[in-house]
């Protein structure tokens, strides 16, 4: 057996072992919603899809920054932001343009359906999924598979944000020989939309509602989708994000229900406010990071591959606890991983 085949076999075996272990959480980035071009665009492709949805003056100002060398929308918005208390409208117009474009796309659901249905078969009471994407693929997949997905909202017509729902557990009561007993229900998925979502709105100062994925912005309301820009780190300290991020930090770093493994899929490690939490978790001796992405920048790969409790899987090269080897042809993809979780 060649050294390449040996490395990839050992890598695949270790991935299978880790994915089948207990206390595994998942972090989904844009690559998990791309679906080989049939889903939602990646960050680097976003501007060409949404520019036509932007008002002319703001679109032109963003385009000037891009033409001047800004690397994508995030940097262009940073250059236009003077950190004034009353911020300029660009980033919220970008958010509305993203929503308009995303609502025009109807991606296939089968891979997300397989993902949620397989996670729902696990023996833990709940499985945590942290999602950085605005789309509703996981919610729609959960409905299609009739899986219980908790996203922090309660209610029927106009669900309201109630983060305590993440602490609730479900049981079926029945008569015991001497007193009532409960059979705890497994297979609940806890979905933390860390950057907000289509259909989430702040309709008043302390009133956060979920109005449906296809809902348009009500009068005087604000979409709760954190735009791609440096202010997003401070945005996540306000409701509803603060409660979601508190649970994310707690489960990785200092809470009573610590995860032992975090599986990132389609995340490029470009958000330092996320990276800092993951690095803090890696200081724990019983925590492992498994990162799957089509590609990572050389700087990102070097930074994370040097850590001894990290597995990196990309198309061009992989790292197995610091041992560098060749890339894997398909193990990095969301579509492949849905068959392995």
C-alpha atoms as a PDB file:
ATOM      1  CA  UNK A   1       0.000   0.000   0.000  1.00  0.00           C
ATOM      2  CA  UNK A   2       1.363   3.431  -0.941  1.00  0.00           C
ATOM      3  CA  UNK A   3       2.057   6.028   1.722  1.00  0.00           C
ATOM      4  CA  UNK A   4      -0.690   8.236   0.222  1.00  0.00           C
ATOM      5  CA  UNK A   5      -3.289   5.473   0.437  1.00  0.00           C
ATOM      6  CA  UNK A   6      -2.164   4.599   3.957  1.00  0.00           C
ATOM      7  CA  UNK A   7      -2.517   8.196   5.146  1.00  0.00           C
ATOM      8  CA  UNK A   8      -5.984   8.632   3.601  1.00  0.00           C
ATOM      9  CA  UNK A   9      -7.153   5.299   5.027  1.00  0.00           C
ATOM     10  CA  UNK A  10      -5.977   6.286   8.510  1.00  0.00           C
ATOM     11  CA  UNK A  11      -7.592   9.688   8.111  1.00  0.00           C
ATOM     12  CA  UNK A  12     -10.945   8.242   7.015  1.00  0.00           C
ATOM     13  CA  UNK A  13     -10.887   5.706   9.866  1.00  0.00           C
ATOM     14  CA  UNK A  14     -10.193   8.423  12.436  1.00  0.00           C
ATOM     15  CA  UNK A  15     -12.941  10.644  11.004  1.00  0.00           C
ATOM     16  CA  UNK A  16     -15.432   7.782  11.209  1.00  0.00           C
ATOM     17  CA  UNK A  17     -14.426   7.071  14.807  1.00  0.00           C
ATOM     18  CA  UNK A  18     -14.754  10.702  15.868  1.00  0.00           C
ATOM     19  CA  UNK A  19     -18.074  11.268  14.089  1.00  0.00           C
ATOM     20  CA  UNK A  20     -19.499   8.196  15.805  1.00  0.00           C
ATOM     21  CA  UNK A  21     -18.432   9.324  19.270  1.00  0.00           C
ATOM     22  CA  UNK A  22     -20.493  11.103  21.917  1.00  0.00           C
ATOM     23  CA  UNK A  23     -20.838  14.851  22.526  1.00  0.00           C
ATOM     24  CA  UNK A  24     -20.325  15.986  18.938  1.00  0.00           C
ATOM     25  CA  UNK A  25     -21.477  19.429  17.777  1.00  0.00           C
ATOM     26  CA  UNK A  26     -21.572  20.801  14.249  1.00  0.00           C
ATOM     27  CA  UNK A  27     -20.711  24.225  12.820  1.00  0.00           C
ATOM     28  CA  UNK A  28     -21.962  24.836   9.270  1.00  0.00           C
ATOM     29  CA  UNK A  29     -20.482  27.541   7.062  1.00  0.00           C
ATOM     30  CA  UNK A  30     -21.360  28.713   3.560  1.00  0.00           C
ATOM     31  CA  UNK A  31     -19.834  25.632   1.951  1.00  0.00           C
ATOM     32  CA  UNK A  32     -22.574  23.486   3.489  1.00  0.00           C
ATOM     33  CA  UNK A  33     -25.239  25.447   1.601  1.00  0.00           C
ATOM     34  CA  UNK A  34     -23.387  25.731  -1.717  1.00  0.00           C
ATOM     35  CA  UNK A  35     -24.332  22.205  -2.856  1.00  0.00           C
ATOM     36  CA  UNK A  36     -21.974  22.104  -5.816  1.00  0.00           C
ATOM     37  CA  UNK A  37     -23.483  25.278  -7.283  1.00  0.00           C
ATOM     38  CA  UNK A  38     -27.113  24.213  -6.835  1.00  0.00           C
ATOM     39  CA  UNK A  39     -27.516  26.029  -3.526  1.00  0.00           C
ATOM     40  CA  UNK A  40     -26.558  29.463  -2.263  1.00  0.00           C
ATOM     41  CA  UNK A  41     -23.495  31.411  -3.465  1.00  0.00           C
ATOM     42  CA  UNK A  42     -20.251  31.520  -1.521  1.00  0.00           C
ATOM     43  CA  UNK A  43     -19.067  34.800  -0.052  1.00  0.00           C
ATOM     44  CA  UNK A  44     -16.629  35.493  -2.886  1.00  0.00           C
ATOM     45  CA  UNK A  45     -19.408  35.227  -5.473  1.00  0.00           C
ATOM     46  CA  UNK A  46     -22.072  37.106  -3.545  1.00  0.00           C
ATOM     47  CA  UNK A  47     -21.669  40.631  -4.886  1.00  0.00           C
ATOM     48  CA  UNK A  48     -22.244  39.728  -8.524  1.00  0.00           C
ATOM     49  CA  UNK A  49     -25.535  38.123  -7.523  1.00  0.00           C
ATOM     50  CA  UNK A  50     -26.880  40.926  -5.323  1.00  0.00           C
ATOM     51  CA  UNK A  51     -25.496  44.098  -6.924  1.00  0.00           C
ATOM     52  CA  UNK A  52     -28.562  44.430  -9.125  1.00  0.00           C
ATOM     53  CA  UNK A  53     -30.815  44.426  -6.050  1.00  0.00           C
ATOM     54  CA  UNK A  54     -29.013  47.396  -4.472  1.00  0.00           C
ATOM     55  CA  UNK A  55     -30.105  51.071  -4.764  1.00  0.00           C
ATOM     56  CA  UNK A  56     -27.895  52.879  -7.274  1.00  0.00           C
ATOM     57  CA  UNK A  57     -25.921  55.277  -5.028  1.00  0.00           C
ATOM     58  CA  UNK A  58     -24.968  52.704  -2.416  1.00  0.00           C
ATOM     59  CA  UNK A  59     -24.254  50.077  -5.062  1.00  0.00           C
ATOM     60  CA  UNK A  60     -21.904  52.472  -6.842  1.00  0.00           C
ATOM     61  CA  UNK A  61     -20.088  53.366  -3.615  1.00  0.00           C
ATOM     62  CA  UNK A  62     -19.509  49.699  -2.816  1.00  0.00           C
ATOM     63  CA  UNK A  63     -18.369  49.036  -6.394  1.00  0.00           C
ATOM     64  CA  UNK A  64     -15.819  51.864  -6.180  1.00  0.00           C
ATOM     65  CA  UNK A  65     -14.257  50.205  -3.127  1.00  0.00           C
ATOM     66  CA  UNK A  66     -14.206  46.821  -4.859  1.00  0.00           C
ATOM     67  CA  UNK A  67     -12.631  48.327  -7.963  1.00  0.00           C
ATOM     68  CA  UNK A  68     -10.085  50.020  -5.710  1.00  0.00           C
ATOM     69  CA  UNK A  69      -8.850  46.723  -4.342  1.00  0.00           C
ATOM     70  CA  UNK A  70     -11.259  45.748  -1.549  1.00  0.00           C
ATOM     71  CA  UNK A  71     -11.336  41.975  -1.169  1.00  0.00           C
ATOM     72  CA  UNK A  72     -15.058  41.273  -1.273  1.00  0.00           C
ATOM     73  CA  UNK A  73     -18.153  42.860   0.241  1.00  0.00           C
ATOM     74  CA  UNK A  74     -16.950  42.639   3.832  1.00  0.00           C
ATOM     75  CA  UNK A  75     -13.849  44.744   3.236  1.00  0.00           C
ATOM     76  CA  UNK A  76     -15.773  47.187   1.029  1.00  0.00           C
ATOM     77  CA  UNK A  77     -18.342  47.728   3.779  1.00  0.00           C
ATOM     78  CA  UNK A  78     -15.559  48.178   6.324  1.00  0.00           C
ATOM     79  CA  UNK A  79     -13.992  50.899   4.171  1.00  0.00           C
ATOM     80  CA  UNK A  80     -17.321  52.718   3.932  1.00  0.00           C
ATOM     81  CA  UNK A  81     -17.984  52.523   7.672  1.00  0.00           C
ATOM     82  CA  UNK A  82     -16.694  55.462   9.716  1.00  0.00           C
ATOM     83  CA  UNK A  83     -17.873  53.896  13.011  1.00  0.00           C
ATOM     84  CA  UNK A  84     -20.424  56.647  13.551  1.00  0.00           C
ATOM     85  CA  UNK A  85     -23.143  56.014  16.110  1.00  0.00           C
ATOM     86  CA  UNK A  86     -25.722  56.440  13.352  1.00  0.00           C
ATOM     87  CA  UNK A  87     -24.342  54.047  10.802  1.00  0.00           C
ATOM     88  CA  UNK A  88     -24.624  54.363   7.060  1.00  0.00           C
ATOM     89  CA  UNK A  89     -27.287  52.296   5.281  1.00  0.00           C
ATOM     90  CA  UNK A  90     -24.965  50.193   3.126  1.00  0.00           C
ATOM     91  CA  UNK A  91     -24.769  47.023   5.174  1.00  0.00           C
ATOM     92  CA  UNK A  92     -28.501  46.800   5.856  1.00  0.00           C
ATOM     93  CA  UNK A  93     -29.222  47.360   2.174  1.00  0.00           C
ATOM     94  CA  UNK A  94     -26.780  44.534   1.465  1.00  0.00           C
ATOM     95  CA  UNK A  95     -28.712  42.344   3.904  1.00  0.00           C
ATOM     96  CA  UNK A  96     -32.006  43.057   2.116  1.00  0.00           C
ATOM     97  CA  UNK A  97     -30.357  42.359  -1.241  1.00  0.00           C
ATOM     98  CA  UNK A  98     -29.013  39.033   0.062  1.00  0.00           C
ATOM     99  CA  UNK A  99     -32.488  38.096   1.302  1.00  0.00           C
ATOM    100  CA  UNK A 100     -34.064  38.992  -2.044  1.00  0.00           C
ATOM    101  CA  UNK A 101     -31.547  36.884  -3.950  1.00  0.00           C
ATOM    102  CA  UNK A 102     -31.713  33.928  -1.571  1.00  0.00           C
ATOM    103  CA  UNK A 103     -35.503  33.853  -1.787  1.00  0.00           C
ATOM    104  CA  UNK A 104     -35.215  33.431  -5.561  1.00  0.00           C
ATOM    105  CA  UNK A 105     -33.238  30.173  -5.152  1.00  0.00           C
ATOM    106  CA  UNK A 106     -34.810  26.752  -4.587  1.00  0.00           C
ATOM    107  CA  UNK A 107     -31.953  24.368  -3.717  1.00  0.00           C
ATOM    108  CA  UNK A 108     -32.294  20.596  -3.460  1.00  0.00           C
ATOM    109  CA  UNK A 109     -33.020  19.404   0.070  1.00  0.00           C
ATOM    110  CA  UNK A 110     -31.990  15.747  -0.008  1.00  0.00           C
ATOM    111  CA  UNK A 111     -28.541  16.180   1.537  1.00  0.00           C
ATOM    112  CA  UNK A 112     -29.816  18.356   4.392  1.00  0.00           C
ATOM    113  CA  UNK A 113     -32.656  15.887   4.930  1.00  0.00           C
ATOM    114  CA  UNK A 114     -30.158  13.059   5.258  1.00  0.00           C
ATOM    115  CA  UNK A 115     -28.055  15.183   7.617  1.00  0.00           C
ATOM    116  CA  UNK A 116     -30.879  15.984  10.049  1.00  0.00           C
ATOM    117  CA  UNK A 117     -32.458  12.528   9.866  1.00  0.00           C
ATOM    118  CA  UNK A 118     -29.167  10.793  10.685  1.00  0.00           C
ATOM    119  CA  UNK A 119     -28.384  13.174  13.551  1.00  0.00           C
ATOM    120  CA  UNK A 120     -31.878  12.561  14.937  1.00  0.00           C
ATOM    121  CA  UNK A 121     -31.007   8.852  15.255  1.00  0.00           C
ATOM    122  CA  UNK A 122     -28.186   9.529  17.698  1.00  0.00           C
ATOM    123  CA  UNK A 123     -28.609   8.360  21.288  1.00  0.00           C
ATOM    124  CA  UNK A 124     -28.098  11.744  22.942  1.00  0.00           C
ATOM    125  CA  UNK A 125     -31.098  13.761  24.110  1.00  0.00           C
ATOM    126  CA  UNK A 126     -30.041  16.589  21.787  1.00  0.00           C
ATOM    127  CA  UNK A 127     -27.450  17.445  19.155  1.00  0.00           C
ATOM    128  CA  UNK A 128     -26.202  21.008  18.689  1.00  0.00           C
ATOM    129  CA  UNK A 129     -25.881  22.541  15.225  1.00  0.00           C
ATOM    130  CA  UNK A 130     -24.340  26.008  14.955  1.00  0.00           C
ATOM    131  CA  UNK A 131     -25.141  27.573  11.610  1.00  0.00           C
ATOM    132  CA  UNK A 132     -23.541  30.700  10.121  1.00  0.00           C
ATOM    133  CA  UNK A 133     -25.852  30.719   7.093  1.00  0.00           C
ATOM    134  CA  UNK A 134     -29.015  32.767   6.614  1.00  0.00           C
ATOM    135  CA  UNK A 135     -30.891  30.179   4.548  1.00  0.00           C
ATOM    136  CA  UNK A 136     -33.589  27.862   5.831  1.00  0.00           C
ATOM    137  CA  UNK A 137     -32.271  24.565   4.491  1.00  0.00           C
ATOM    138  CA  UNK A 138     -31.967  22.913   7.894  1.00  0.00           C
ATOM    139  CA  UNK A 139     -35.406  24.071   9.018  1.00  0.00           C
ATOM    140  CA  UNK A 140     -37.049  22.881   5.791  1.00  0.00           C
ATOM    141  CA  UNK A 141     -35.174  19.576   5.997  1.00  0.00           C
ATOM    142  CA  UNK A 142     -36.310  19.086   9.582  1.00  0.00           C
ATOM    143  CA  UNK A 143     -39.923  19.638   8.565  1.00  0.00           C
ATOM    144  CA  UNK A 144     -39.589  17.275   5.614  1.00  0.00           C
ATOM    145  CA  UNK A 145     -38.143  14.528   7.834  1.00  0.00           C
ATOM    146  CA  UNK A 146     -40.493  15.286  10.754  1.00  0.00           C
ATOM    147  CA  UNK A 147     -37.523  15.857  13.065  1.00  0.00           C
ATOM    148  CA  UNK A 148     -37.867  18.089  16.127  1.00  0.00           C
ATOM    149  CA  UNK A 149     -35.676  21.164  15.554  1.00  0.00           C
ATOM    150  CA  UNK A 150     -35.435  23.787  18.316  1.00  0.00           C
ATOM    151  CA  UNK A 151     -34.224  27.203  17.131  1.00  0.00           C
ATOM    152  CA  UNK A 152     -35.042  29.346  20.172  1.00  0.00           C
ATOM    153  CA  UNK A 153     -38.536  30.439  19.103  1.00  0.00           C
ATOM    154  CA  UNK A 154     -41.943  29.592  20.566  1.00  0.00           C
ATOM    155  CA  UNK A 155     -45.412  30.313  19.256  1.00  0.00           C
ATOM    156  CA  UNK A 156     -47.643  29.534  16.318  1.00  0.00           C
ATOM    157  CA  UNK A 157     -48.732  32.493  14.162  1.00  0.00           C
ATOM    158  CA  UNK A 158     -45.838  34.822  15.022  1.00  0.00           C
ATOM    159  CA  UNK A 159     -43.257  32.827  17.008  1.00  0.00           C
ATOM    160  CA  UNK A 160     -41.323  34.870  19.571  1.00  0.00           C
ATOM    161  CA  UNK A 161     -37.720  34.399  20.671  1.00  0.00           C
ATOM    162  CA  UNK A 162     -37.417  32.429  23.919  1.00  0.00           C
ATOM    163  CA  UNK A 163     -33.847  31.112  24.305  1.00  0.00           C
ATOM    164  CA  UNK A 164     -34.810  29.058  27.371  1.00  0.00           C
ATOM    165  CA  UNK A 165     -36.268  26.521  24.920  1.00  0.00           C
ATOM    166  CA  UNK A 166     -32.711  25.255  24.353  1.00  0.00           C
ATOM    167  CA  UNK A 167     -32.646  24.107  28.003  1.00  0.00           C
ATOM    168  CA  UNK A 168     -35.872  22.133  27.770  1.00  0.00           C
ATOM    169  CA  UNK A 169     -35.939  18.366  27.279  1.00  0.00           C
ATOM    170  CA  UNK A 170     -38.808  16.212  26.084  1.00  0.00           C
ATOM    171  CA  UNK A 171     -40.279  13.112  27.687  1.00  0.00           C
ATOM    172  CA  UNK A 172     -43.346  10.899  27.365  1.00  0.00           C
ATOM    173  CA  UNK A 173     -45.079  10.321  30.698  1.00  0.00           C
ATOM    174  CA  UNK A 174     -46.607   6.973  31.572  1.00  0.00           C
ATOM    175  CA  UNK A 175     -47.840   5.143  34.627  1.00  0.00           C
ATOM    176  CA  UNK A 176     -45.217   3.310  36.609  1.00  0.00           C
ATOM    177  CA  UNK A 177     -45.776   0.583  39.223  1.00  0.00           C
ATOM    178  CA  UNK A 178     -45.834   3.145  42.039  1.00  0.00           C
ATOM    179  CA  UNK A 179     -45.681   6.618  40.506  1.00  0.00           C
ATOM    180  CA  UNK A 180     -45.655   8.310  37.089  1.00  0.00           C
ATOM    181  CA  UNK A 181     -42.504   7.785  35.051  1.00  0.00           C
ATOM    182  CA  UNK A 182     -41.002   9.494  32.032  1.00  0.00           C
ATOM    183  CA  UNK A 183     -39.321   8.150  28.912  1.00  0.00           C
ATOM    184  CA  UNK A 184     -36.897  10.788  27.660  1.00  0.00           C
ATOM    185  CA  UNK A 185     -37.163  11.480  23.935  1.00  0.00           C
ATOM    186  CA  UNK A 186     -33.923  11.423  21.969  1.00  0.00           C
ATOM    187  CA  UNK A 187     -33.202  12.960  18.602  1.00  0.00           C
ATOM    188  CA  UNK A 188     -33.923  16.647  19.226  1.00  0.00           C
ATOM    189  CA  UNK A 189     -31.737  19.004  17.191  1.00  0.00           C
ATOM    190  CA  UNK A 190     -30.768  22.366  18.669  1.00  0.00           C
ATOM    191  CA  UNK A 191     -30.214  24.815  15.827  1.00  0.00           C
ATOM    192  CA  UNK A 192     -28.294  27.974  16.697  1.00  0.00           C
ATOM    193  CA  UNK A 193     -28.430  30.471  13.800  1.00  0.00           C
ATOM    194  CA  UNK A 194     -25.476  32.530  15.026  1.00  0.00           C
ATOM    195  CA  UNK A 195     -25.752  35.198  12.330  1.00  0.00           C
ATOM    196  CA  UNK A 196     -29.532  35.309  12.158  1.00  0.00           C
ATOM    197  CA  UNK A 197     -31.813  33.959   9.484  1.00  0.00           C
ATOM    198  CA  UNK A 198     -34.253  34.645   6.716  1.00  0.00           C
ATOM    199  CA  UNK A 199     -37.605  35.246   8.368  1.00  0.00           C
ATOM    200  CA  UNK A 200     -36.229  36.664  11.620  1.00  0.00           C
ATOM    201  CA  UNK A 201     -37.199  40.263  12.392  1.00  0.00           C
ATOM    202  CA  UNK A 202     -36.953  42.756  15.195  1.00  0.00           C
ATOM    203  CA  UNK A 203     -40.390  44.361  15.063  1.00  0.00           C
ATOM    204  CA  UNK A 204     -39.937  46.472  18.216  1.00  0.00           C
ATOM    205  CA  UNK A 205     -37.232  47.192  20.768  1.00  0.00           C
ATOM    206  CA  UNK A 206     -37.732  43.960  22.722  1.00  0.00           C
ATOM    207  CA  UNK A 207     -39.882  42.030  20.272  1.00  0.00           C
ATOM    208  CA  UNK A 208     -38.115  39.463  18.067  1.00  0.00           C
ATOM    209  CA  UNK A 209     -40.286  37.389  15.761  1.00  0.00           C
ATOM    210  CA  UNK A 210     -39.976  34.581  13.230  1.00  0.00           C
ATOM    211  CA  UNK A 211     -42.392  35.264  10.392  1.00  0.00           C
ATOM    212  CA  UNK A 212     -41.511  32.548   7.893  1.00  0.00           C
ATOM    213  CA  UNK A 213     -38.536  32.078   5.592  1.00  0.00           C
ATOM    214  CA  UNK A 214     -40.210  33.873   2.678  1.00  0.00           C
ATOM    215  CA  UNK A 215     -41.532  36.825   4.688  1.00  0.00           C
ATOM    216  CA  UNK A 216     -40.771  40.348   3.531  1.00  0.00           C
ATOM    217  CA  UNK A 217     -39.663  42.982   6.023  1.00  0.00           C
ATOM    218  CA  UNK A 218     -42.663  44.471   7.885  1.00  0.00           C
ATOM    219  CA  UNK A 219     -42.997  48.221   8.146  1.00  0.00           C
ATOM    220  CA  UNK A 220     -40.584  49.675  10.736  1.00  0.00           C
ATOM    221  CA  UNK A 221     -39.004  46.260  11.348  1.00  0.00           C
ATOM    222  CA  UNK A 222     -35.394  45.169  10.812  1.00  0.00           C
ATOM    223  CA  UNK A 223     -34.132  41.918   9.369  1.00  0.00           C
ATOM    224  CA  UNK A 224     -32.106  39.923  11.850  1.00  0.00           C
ATOM    225  CA  UNK A 225     -29.313  38.834   9.547  1.00  0.00           C
ATOM    226  CA  UNK A 226     -25.836  39.988  10.595  1.00  0.00           C
ATOM    227  CA  UNK A 227     -24.265  41.550   7.475  1.00  0.00           C
ATOM    228  CA  UNK A 228     -20.763  40.501   6.385  1.00  0.00           C
ATOM    229  CA  UNK A 229     -18.788  43.340   7.964  1.00  0.00           C
ATOM    230  CA  UNK A 230     -16.539  44.066  10.951  1.00  0.00           C
ATOM    231  CA  UNK A 231     -19.479  45.299  13.044  1.00  0.00           C
ATOM    232  CA  UNK A 232     -20.857  41.746  13.037  1.00  0.00           C
ATOM    233  CA  UNK A 233     -18.754  40.883  16.101  1.00  0.00           C
ATOM    234  CA  UNK A 234     -20.416  43.675  18.111  1.00  0.00           C
ATOM    235  CA  UNK A 235     -23.831  42.887  16.619  1.00  0.00           C
ATOM    236  CA  UNK A 236     -23.682  39.455  18.214  1.00  0.00           C
ATOM    237  CA  UNK A 237     -23.745  41.012  21.698  1.00  0.00           C
ATOM    238  CA  UNK A 238     -27.372  42.152  21.198  1.00  0.00           C
ATOM    239  CA  UNK A 239     -30.574  40.072  21.220  1.00  0.00           C
ATOM    240  CA  UNK A 240     -31.242  37.532  19.870  1.00  0.00           C
ATOM    241  CA  UNK A 241     -27.607  36.808  19.109  1.00  0.00           C
ATOM    242  CA  UNK A 242     -26.262  37.244  22.650  1.00  0.00           C
ATOM    243  CA  UNK A 243     -28.129  34.186  23.965  1.00  0.00           C
ATOM    244  CA  UNK A 244     -27.116  32.057  20.965  1.00  0.00           C
ATOM    245  CA  UNK A 245     -23.449  32.983  21.306  1.00  0.00           C
ATOM    246  CA  UNK A 246     -23.530  32.454  25.051  1.00  0.00           C
ATOM    247  CA  UNK A 247     -24.619  28.856  24.482  1.00  0.00           C
ATOM    248  CA  UNK A 248     -21.958  28.417  21.780  1.00  0.00           C
ATOM    249  CA  UNK A 249     -19.202  29.606  24.132  1.00  0.00           C
ATOM    250  CA  UNK A 250     -20.642  27.619  27.019  1.00  0.00           C
ATOM    251  CA  UNK A 251     -20.750  24.332  25.140  1.00  0.00           C
ATOM    252  CA  UNK A 252     -17.218  24.756  23.820  1.00  0.00           C
ATOM    253  CA  UNK A 253     -15.387  26.409  26.693  1.00  0.00           C
ATOM    254  CA  UNK A 254     -16.921  26.700  30.153  1.00  0.00           C
ATOM    255  CA  UNK A 255     -20.466  25.405  30.454  1.00  0.00           C
ATOM    256  CA  UNK A 256     -21.843  22.392  32.330  1.00  0.00           C
ATOM    257  CA  UNK A 257     -22.524  20.453  29.100  1.00  0.00           C
ATOM    258  CA  UNK A 258     -19.231  20.651  27.254  1.00  0.00           C
ATOM    259  CA  UNK A 259     -18.806  19.203  23.782  1.00  0.00           C
ATOM    260  CA  UNK A 260     -15.851  16.910  23.189  1.00  0.00           C
ATOM    261  CA  UNK A 261     -15.814  17.394  19.420  1.00  0.00           C
ATOM    262  CA  UNK A 262     -16.718  20.178  17.021  1.00  0.00           C
ATOM    263  CA  UNK A 263     -17.193  19.321  13.342  1.00  0.00           C
ATOM    264  CA  UNK A 264     -16.975  22.319  11.022  1.00  0.00           C
ATOM    265  CA  UNK A 265     -18.293  21.886   7.481  1.00  0.00           C
ATOM    266  CA  UNK A 266     -17.788  24.481   4.771  1.00  0.00           C
ATOM    267  CA  UNK A 267     -16.300  27.037   7.171  1.00  0.00           C
ATOM    268  CA  UNK A 268     -13.174  28.861   6.006  1.00  0.00           C
ATOM    269  CA  UNK A 269     -12.033  30.189   9.436  1.00  0.00           C
ATOM    270  CA  UNK A 270     -12.335  33.832   8.383  1.00  0.00           C
ATOM    271  CA  UNK A 271     -14.330  34.994  11.437  1.00  0.00           C
ATOM    272  CA  UNK A 272     -11.972  35.706  14.305  1.00  0.00           C
ATOM    273  CA  UNK A 273     -14.776  36.011  16.859  1.00  0.00           C
ATOM    274  CA  UNK A 274     -15.582  32.364  16.090  1.00  0.00           C
ATOM    275  CA  UNK A 275     -11.951  31.271  15.835  1.00  0.00           C
ATOM    276  CA  UNK A 276     -11.162  32.663  19.284  1.00  0.00           C
ATOM    277  CA  UNK A 277     -13.854  30.485  20.870  1.00  0.00           C
ATOM    278  CA  UNK A 278     -12.635  27.392  19.027  1.00  0.00           C
ATOM    279  CA  UNK A 279      -9.028  28.054  20.071  1.00  0.00           C
ATOM    280  CA  UNK A 280     -10.115  28.377  23.699  1.00  0.00           C
ATOM    281  CA  UNK A 281     -11.869  25.010  23.408  1.00  0.00           C
ATOM    282  CA  UNK A 282      -8.718  23.445  21.958  1.00  0.00           C
ATOM    283  CA  UNK A 283      -6.924  24.281  25.204  1.00  0.00           C
ATOM    284  CA  UNK A 284      -8.996  21.503  26.768  1.00  0.00           C
ATOM    285  CA  UNK A 285      -7.256  18.154  26.587  1.00  0.00           C
ATOM    286  CA  UNK A 286     -10.472  16.288  25.792  1.00  0.00           C
ATOM    287  CA  UNK A 287     -11.595  18.429  22.827  1.00  0.00           C
ATOM    288  CA  UNK A 288     -11.052  17.695  19.135  1.00  0.00           C
ATOM    289  CA  UNK A 289     -11.726  19.888  16.099  1.00  0.00           C
ATOM    290  CA  UNK A 290     -12.604  18.218  12.796  1.00  0.00           C
ATOM    291  CA  UNK A 291     -12.667  20.721   9.942  1.00  0.00           C
ATOM    292  CA  UNK A 292     -13.972  19.881   6.461  1.00  0.00           C
ATOM    293  CA  UNK A 293     -13.736  22.394   3.624  1.00  0.00           C
ATOM    294  CA  UNK A 294     -13.028  22.281  -0.098  1.00  0.00           C
ATOM    295  CA  UNK A 295     -10.075  24.590   0.442  1.00  0.00           C
ATOM    296  CA  UNK A 296      -8.393  26.749   3.069  1.00  0.00           C
ATOM    297  CA  UNK A 297      -5.917  29.568   2.546  1.00  0.00           C
ATOM    298  CA  UNK A 298      -2.296  28.591   3.207  1.00  0.00           C
ATOM    299  CA  UNK A 299      -2.256  30.811   6.289  1.00  0.00           C
ATOM    300  CA  UNK A 300      -5.408  29.204   7.717  1.00  0.00           C
ATOM    301  CA  UNK A 301      -4.179  25.668   7.006  1.00  0.00           C
ATOM    302  CA  UNK A 302      -0.817  26.356   8.664  1.00  0.00           C
ATOM    303  CA  UNK A 303      -2.429  27.956  11.714  1.00  0.00           C
ATOM    304  CA  UNK A 304      -4.804  25.085  12.474  1.00  0.00           C
ATOM    305  CA  UNK A 305      -2.787  22.109  11.238  1.00  0.00           C
ATOM    306  CA  UNK A 306      -0.068  22.869  13.781  1.00  0.00           C
ATOM    307  CA  UNK A 307      -2.418  21.939  16.627  1.00  0.00           C
ATOM    308  CA  UNK A 308      -2.261  18.354  17.874  1.00  0.00           C
ATOM    309  CA  UNK A 309      -5.985  17.866  18.502  1.00  0.00           C
ATOM    310  CA  UNK A 310      -7.140  19.000  15.039  1.00  0.00           C
ATOM    311  CA  UNK A 311      -8.063  17.093  11.879  1.00  0.00           C
ATOM    312  CA  UNK A 312      -8.229  19.126   8.664  1.00  0.00           C
ATOM    313  CA  UNK A 313      -9.713  17.676   5.477  1.00  0.00           C
ATOM    314  CA  UNK A 314      -9.564  19.594   2.191  1.00  0.00           C
ATOM    315  CA  UNK A 315      -9.380  18.748  -1.476  1.00  0.00           C
ATOM    316  CA  UNK A 316      -5.670  19.568  -1.800  1.00  0.00           C
ATOM    317  CA  UNK A 317      -4.143  18.464   1.524  1.00  0.00           C
ATOM    318  CA  UNK A 318      -5.127  17.162   4.936  1.00  0.00           C
ATOM    319  CA  UNK A 319      -3.764  17.154   8.460  1.00  0.00           C
ATOM    320  CA  UNK A 320      -4.163  14.291  10.925  1.00  0.00           C
ATOM    321  CA  UNK A 321      -3.203  15.564  14.370  1.00  0.00           C
ATOM    322  CA  UNK A 322      -0.324  17.562  12.859  1.00  0.00           C
ATOM    323  CA  UNK A 323       0.724  14.988  10.258  1.00  0.00           C
ATOM    324  CA  UNK A 324       0.361  16.574   6.815  1.00  0.00           C
ATOM    325  CA  UNK A 325      -0.780  14.421   3.915  1.00  0.00           C
ATOM    326  CA  UNK A 326      -2.507  14.609   0.525  1.00  0.00           C
ATOM    327  CA  UNK A 327      -6.004  15.921  -0.038  1.00  0.00           C
ATOM    328  CA  UNK A 328      -9.079  13.735  -0.045  1.00  0.00           C
ATOM    329  CA  UNK A 329     -11.223  13.635  -3.203  1.00  0.00           C
ATOM    330  CA  UNK A 330     -14.616  13.902  -1.478  1.00  0.00           C
ATOM    331  CA  UNK A 331     -14.479  13.555   2.318  1.00  0.00           C
ATOM    332  CA  UNK A 332     -14.357  17.361   2.672  1.00  0.00           C
ATOM    333  CA  UNK A 333     -17.823  17.857   1.104  1.00  0.00           C
ATOM    334  CA  UNK A 334     -21.108  18.294   2.937  1.00  0.00           C
ATOM    335  CA  UNK A 335     -22.753  15.869   0.527  1.00  0.00           C
ATOM    336  CA  UNK A 336     -20.276  13.108   1.461  1.00  0.00           C
ATOM    337  CA  UNK A 337     -20.355  13.842   5.172  1.00  0.00           C
ATOM    338  CA  UNK A 338     -24.140  13.549   5.348  1.00  0.00           C
ATOM    339  CA  UNK A 339     -23.664   9.808   4.774  1.00  0.00           C
ATOM    340  CA  UNK A 340     -21.144   9.523   7.612  1.00  0.00           C
ATOM    341  CA  UNK A 341     -22.545  11.487  10.557  1.00  0.00           C
END
